[in-house]
Protein backbone atom coordinates (compact mmCIF):
# COMPACT_ATOMS: atom_id res chain seq x y z
CA UNK A 1 17.60 -11.19 -0.44
CA UNK A 2 19.96 -12.65 -2.76
CA UNK A 3 22.93 -10.29 -1.32
CA UNK A 4 25.56 -12.95 -1.69
CA UNK A 5 24.59 -13.45 -5.47
CA UNK A 6 26.51 -14.42 -8.39
CA UNK A 7 25.88 -13.02 -11.64
CA UNK A 8 27.05 -14.60 -14.66
CA UNK A 9 25.06 -12.65 -17.39
CA UNK A 10 24.88 -9.01 -16.04
CA UNK A 11 27.03 -7.01 -13.85
CA UNK A 12 25.19 -5.19 -10.94
CA UNK A 13 26.66 -2.24 -9.55
CA UNK A 14 24.75 -1.09 -6.26
CA UNK A 15 24.04 2.68 -5.62
CA UNK A 16 23.83 2.74 -1.91
CA UNK A 17 24.35 0.54 0.95
CA UNK A 18 20.35 0.55 0.97
CA UNK A 19 18.60 0.79 -2.32
CA UNK A 20 19.73 1.05 -5.59
CA UNK A 21 21.87 -0.71 -8.58
CA UNK A 22 22.95 -0.06 -11.99
CA UNK A 23 22.71 -2.59 -14.63
CA UNK A 24 25.53 -3.72 -16.93
CA UNK A 25 25.63 -6.47 -19.85
CA UNK A 26 21.81 -5.44 -20.90
CA UNK A 27 20.71 -4.48 -23.99
CA UNK A 28 17.01 -4.66 -23.95
CA UNK A 29 16.57 -4.26 -27.80
CA UNK A 30 17.98 -7.77 -27.92
CA UNK A 31 16.29 -11.12 -27.16
CA UNK A 32 16.61 -11.78 -23.34
CA UNK A 33 17.23 -14.71 -23.07
CA UNK A 34 15.51 -16.69 -19.56
CA UNK A 35 18.14 -16.88 -17.18
CA UNK A 36 19.07 -12.89 -18.13
CA UNK A 37 15.76 -11.98 -16.96
CA UNK A 38 16.06 -14.15 -13.88
CA UNK A 39 18.98 -12.40 -12.96
CA UNK A 40 17.30 -8.36 -13.25
CA UNK A 41 14.93 -10.07 -11.37
CA UNK A 42 16.75 -11.37 -8.58
CA UNK A 43 18.60 -8.18 -8.68
CA UNK A 44 15.47 -5.92 -8.48
CA UNK A 45 14.12 -8.09 -6.02
CA UNK A 46 17.61 -6.93 -4.00
CA UNK A 47 18.01 -3.43 -4.80
CA UNK A 48 14.61 -2.39 -5.05
CA UNK A 49 15.22 -0.01 -7.93
CA UNK A 50 17.51 -0.56 -10.87
CA UNK A 51 18.72 1.13 -13.85
CA UNK A 52 19.66 0.60 -17.03
CA UNK A 53 21.46 2.74 -19.35
CA UNK A 54 21.89 3.28 -23.17
CA UNK A 55 18.55 1.21 -23.88
CA UNK A 56 17.14 2.17 -27.44
CA UNK A 57 14.24 0.75 -27.51
CA UNK A 58 10.97 0.47 -29.30
CA UNK A 59 7.32 0.88 -27.95
CA UNK A 60 6.65 -2.50 -28.59
CA UNK A 61 10.34 -3.72 -27.21
CA UNK A 62 9.22 -1.92 -23.72
CA UNK A 63 6.11 -3.47 -23.55
CA UNK A 64 7.22 -7.12 -24.59
CA UNK A 65 9.59 -6.11 -21.07
CA UNK A 66 6.92 -4.98 -18.71
CA UNK A 67 5.11 -8.50 -19.45
CA UNK A 68 7.83 -10.28 -18.61
CA UNK A 69 6.86 -9.51 -15.28
CA UNK A 70 3.16 -9.72 -15.38
CA UNK A 71 -0.14 -8.35 -16.93
CA UNK A 72 0.02 -4.41 -17.69
CA UNK A 73 -1.18 -1.71 -15.67
CA UNK A 74 -3.34 1.20 -17.25
CA UNK A 75 -2.91 4.33 -15.04
CA UNK A 76 -6.70 5.33 -14.36
CA UNK A 77 -6.55 9.26 -16.00
CA UNK A 78 -3.15 9.87 -17.59
CA UNK A 79 -2.39 10.26 -21.30
CA UNK A 80 -0.60 7.71 -23.23
CA UNK A 81 1.31 7.19 -26.76
CA UNK A 82 0.79 5.08 -29.48
CA UNK A 83 -3.10 4.67 -29.32
CA UNK A 84 -2.07 2.77 -26.21
CA UNK A 85 -2.78 3.12 -22.74
CA UNK A 86 -0.49 0.88 -21.83
CA UNK A 87 2.06 3.01 -22.85
CA UNK A 88 1.55 6.44 -19.97
CA UNK A 89 3.72 9.26 -21.45
CA UNK A 90 5.66 11.23 -19.08
CA UNK A 91 6.37 14.87 -20.43
CA UNK A 92 6.98 18.19 -19.01
CA UNK A 93 8.29 21.04 -20.70
CA UNK A 94 7.97 25.13 -20.19
CA UNK A 95 4.17 25.40 -20.88
CA UNK A 96 3.41 22.31 -18.51
CA UNK A 97 1.79 23.47 -15.23
CA UNK A 98 2.68 20.04 -13.46
CA UNK A 99 5.12 17.63 -13.45
CA UNK A 100 4.19 13.78 -13.21
CA UNK A 101 5.59 12.55 -9.92
CA UNK A 102 5.76 15.54 -7.73
CA UNK A 103 5.86 14.76 -4.29
CA UNK A 104 6.94 11.33 -2.69
CA UNK A 105 4.49 8.90 -3.46
CA UNK A 106 3.71 5.08 -4.34
CA UNK A 107 2.59 5.03 -7.82
CA UNK A 108 -1.28 4.58 -7.77
CA UNK A 109 -1.72 3.20 -4.06
CA UNK A 110 -5.47 3.83 -4.52
CA UNK A 111 -5.82 0.85 -6.43
CA UNK A 112 -7.45 -2.28 -4.95
CA UNK A 113 -4.44 -3.79 -6.54
CA UNK A 114 -1.75 -1.75 -6.56
CA UNK A 115 0.99 -1.46 -9.25
CA UNK A 116 3.61 -4.47 -8.47
CA UNK A 117 6.55 -2.25 -10.30
CA UNK A 118 6.78 0.87 -12.78
CA UNK A 119 9.06 1.06 -15.83
CA UNK A 120 10.60 3.90 -16.71
CA UNK A 121 12.46 5.25 -20.19
CA UNK A 122 13.30 8.58 -20.84
CA UNK A 123 14.46 9.55 -24.13
CA UNK A 124 14.54 13.48 -23.46
CA UNK A 125 16.00 15.07 -19.97
CA UNK A 126 17.28 18.25 -19.60
CA UNK A 127 21.32 19.12 -19.40
CA UNK A 128 21.00 19.22 -16.08
CA UNK A 129 18.75 18.10 -12.90
CA UNK A 130 15.71 16.35 -13.39
CA UNK A 131 16.80 13.59 -11.03
CA UNK A 132 14.61 10.82 -9.69
CA UNK A 133 14.82 10.05 -5.48
CA UNK A 134 14.08 6.70 -4.29
CA UNK A 135 13.48 5.41 -0.78
CA UNK A 136 13.33 2.06 0.79
CA UNK A 137 9.78 1.44 2.72
CA UNK A 138 11.96 -1.96 4.06
CA UNK A 139 14.63 0.72 5.95
CA UNK A 140 11.78 3.19 6.99
CA UNK A 141 9.84 0.53 8.64
CA UNK A 142 12.86 -1.20 9.71
CA UNK A 143 14.40 2.17 11.32
CA UNK A 144 10.90 2.83 13.21
CA UNK A 145 10.88 1.48 17.12
CA UNK A 146 9.51 -1.72 18.47
CA UNK A 147 6.58 -0.08 19.70
CA UNK A 148 5.61 1.99 17.07
CA UNK A 149 5.96 -1.16 14.56
CA UNK A 150 3.22 -2.99 16.77
CA UNK A 151 0.97 -0.36 16.74
CA UNK A 152 1.04 0.08 12.80
CA UNK A 153 1.46 -3.63 12.00
CA UNK A 154 -2.62 -3.41 12.85
CA UNK A 155 -3.63 -0.65 11.42
CA UNK A 156 -4.51 -0.26 7.65
CA UNK A 157 -4.88 3.27 6.16
CA UNK A 158 -7.75 4.83 3.36
CA UNK A 159 -6.25 5.58 -0.12
CA UNK A 160 -7.76 7.63 -2.32
CA UNK A 161 -6.85 9.13 -5.98
CA UNK A 162 -8.32 12.32 -7.69
CA UNK A 163 -6.75 13.28 -10.77
CA UNK A 164 -9.50 16.35 -12.17
CA UNK A 165 -7.55 18.74 -13.72
CA UNK A 166 -4.12 17.47 -13.34
CA UNK A 167 -3.82 15.99 -17.36
CA UNK A 168 -5.37 19.06 -18.95
CA UNK A 169 -8.26 17.67 -21.76
CA UNK A 170 -7.33 14.12 -21.33
CA UNK A 171 -10.91 11.84 -20.63
CA UNK A 172 -9.89 9.49 -17.87
CA UNK A 173 -9.53 6.01 -18.53
CA UNK A 174 -11.43 4.60 -15.75
CA UNK A 175 -12.91 5.41 -12.52
CA UNK A 176 -10.76 7.21 -9.97
CA UNK A 177 -9.86 4.68 -7.78
CA UNK A 178 -9.98 4.13 -4.17
CA UNK A 179 -8.98 1.42 -1.20
CA UNK A 180 -7.68 0.46 2.07
CA UNK A 181 -4.73 -1.61 2.92
CA UNK A 182 -2.40 -2.54 5.61
CA UNK A 183 -0.07 0.48 6.78
CA UNK A 184 2.71 -2.38 6.97
CA UNK A 185 2.76 -4.51 4.04
CA UNK A 186 4.56 -7.82 3.57
CA UNK A 187 6.32 -8.26 0.30
CA UNK A 188 5.05 -11.46 -1.40
CA UNK A 189 8.56 -11.89 -2.70
CA UNK A 190 11.41 -11.27 -0.52
CA UNK A 191 9.05 -11.54 3.03
CA UNK A 192 10.02 -8.33 4.37
CA UNK A 193 7.89 -6.00 5.64
CA UNK A 194 7.34 -2.53 4.79
CA UNK A 195 5.94 1.14 5.27
CA UNK A 196 2.60 1.69 2.85
CA UNK A 197 1.41 4.83 3.21
CA UNK A 198 2.27 8.05 1.06
CA UNK A 199 1.72 11.52 1.09
CA UNK A 200 0.01 11.33 -2.56
CA UNK A 201 -2.62 8.98 -2.10
CA UNK A 202 -3.18 8.01 2.12
CA UNK A 203 -5.82 9.94 3.03
CA UNK A 204 -6.36 8.32 6.60
CA UNK A 205 -5.54 5.96 8.84
CA UNK A 206 -8.60 3.64 9.73
CA UNK A 207 -10.06 3.25 13.63
CA UNK A 208 -7.76 6.70 14.51
CA UNK A 209 -9.60 10.06 15.24
CA UNK A 210 -8.97 12.24 12.59
CA UNK A 211 -7.04 14.25 14.87
CA UNK A 212 -4.54 10.87 15.43
CA UNK A 213 -4.31 9.79 12.31
CA UNK A 214 -3.54 13.32 10.94
CA UNK A 215 -0.16 13.50 13.42
CA UNK A 216 0.60 9.71 12.49
CA UNK A 217 0.71 10.76 9.03
CA UNK A 218 2.73 13.39 9.14
CA UNK A 219 5.19 11.31 11.17
CA UNK A 220 5.09 8.83 8.78
CA UNK A 221 5.61 11.36 5.74
CA UNK A 222 8.35 12.82 7.35
CA UNK A 223 10.64 9.59 8.10
CA UNK A 224 10.84 8.65 4.75
CA UNK A 225 12.19 11.38 3.96
CA UNK A 226 15.34 10.00 5.71
CA UNK A 227 18.55 10.53 2.88
CA UNK A 228 19.74 7.47 4.72
CA UNK A 229 16.59 5.56 3.00
CA UNK A 230 17.79 6.71 -0.44
CA UNK A 231 19.24 7.12 -3.87
CA UNK A 232 19.36 9.61 -6.34
CA UNK A 233 19.13 8.66 -10.24
CA UNK A 234 20.89 11.36 -12.47
CA UNK A 235 19.28 10.27 -16.35
CA UNK A 236 20.92 9.85 -19.64
CA UNK A 237 19.00 10.12 -22.82
CA UNK A 238 17.75 6.65 -22.96
CA UNK A 239 18.01 5.34 -19.41
CA UNK A 240 15.63 3.07 -17.73
CA UNK A 241 14.70 3.27 -13.87
CA UNK A 242 12.97 0.72 -13.28
CA UNK A 243 11.47 0.41 -9.49
CA UNK A 244 9.26 -1.88 -6.89
CA UNK A 245 5.95 0.05 -5.81
CA UNK A 246 5.44 -2.85 -3.40
CA UNK A 247 8.78 -1.13 -1.39
CA UNK A 248 9.37 1.70 -2.37
CA UNK A 249 8.41 5.63 -3.47
CA UNK A 250 9.86 7.97 -5.57
CA UNK A 251 9.55 11.73 -6.13
CA UNK A 252 10.90 13.57 -9.18
CA UNK A 253 12.82 16.83 -9.36
CA UNK A 254 11.32 19.36 -11.38
CA UNK A 255 14.43 22.48 -11.58
CA UNK A 256 14.87 22.33 -15.49
CA UNK A 257 11.91 24.87 -16.45
CA UNK A 258 12.17 25.39 -19.22
CA UNK A 259 13.86 22.25 -20.60
CA UNK A 260 12.18 19.41 -21.44
CA UNK A 261 11.92 15.96 -19.73
CA UNK A 262 9.72 13.16 -21.57
CA UNK A 263 9.86 9.52 -21.91
CA UNK A 264 7.24 6.16 -21.51
CA UNK A 265 6.19 4.82 -18.10
CA UNK A 266 5.64 0.93 -18.75
CA UNK A 267 3.31 -0.24 -15.28
CA UNK A 268 3.23 -3.76 -13.89
CA UNK A 269 0.12 -4.81 -12.20
CA UNK A 270 0.32 -6.21 -8.64
CA UNK A 271 -1.78 -7.48 -6.09
CA UNK A 272 -4.06 -6.73 -2.78
CA UNK A 273 -0.84 -6.55 -0.47
CA UNK A 274 -1.42 -8.18 2.75
CA UNK A 275 -0.01 -8.16 6.33
């Protein structure tokens, strides 16, 4: 999609042929024209995850940019900034016992209507390390054999969340969600099919025996780790990564202890996945 598009308001620099692009010529601290926004959205749909450097934005500007894409999502349990649960805090330091985003996952896929996309702005990053890896679930689907795609196309999987103890004494915003979704979902904008199970939330494939479900999920969880499906983002202060949860999984690498990695994530509500 948009492979041959000519961009007039932004510059798009692909990271790999499969996934990821850095955008240039965008300053989210300044008013964004409708034409420029439309090109950002088009680049996002084409590359699945996009990156912007040197974005010195306020919380209000971060929220306003997120709302251009739709109503904002509230995480079930994560701490938030400025008294606003739409501003999810992403913070790891020498006192942390865990890091946000450890393990391959799609954000809160256990929601009945999982998030459309996430916009992460990091202000503080470690001197070295702290990268985030992103994997294309389009590519994960496309590289499966035809018989395997035929099997998965008709299946649904149960997604469940449990944030107990993950955020210390912070009181959850709502009940931990649970939902059933198709194993293969169709992207509502691009029309492409994507694998939609992840180790963070998917517990079982419905209609299969426990042993069959475990074997198939283990295969799929390992399949998505193929480096050919991935790009890797090296953070700098005031960088933004923006990923499409409908077709992307990601994992954050915690290799920088005892340094600090900190910022804010704004997440956009999505809709119910469909085959």
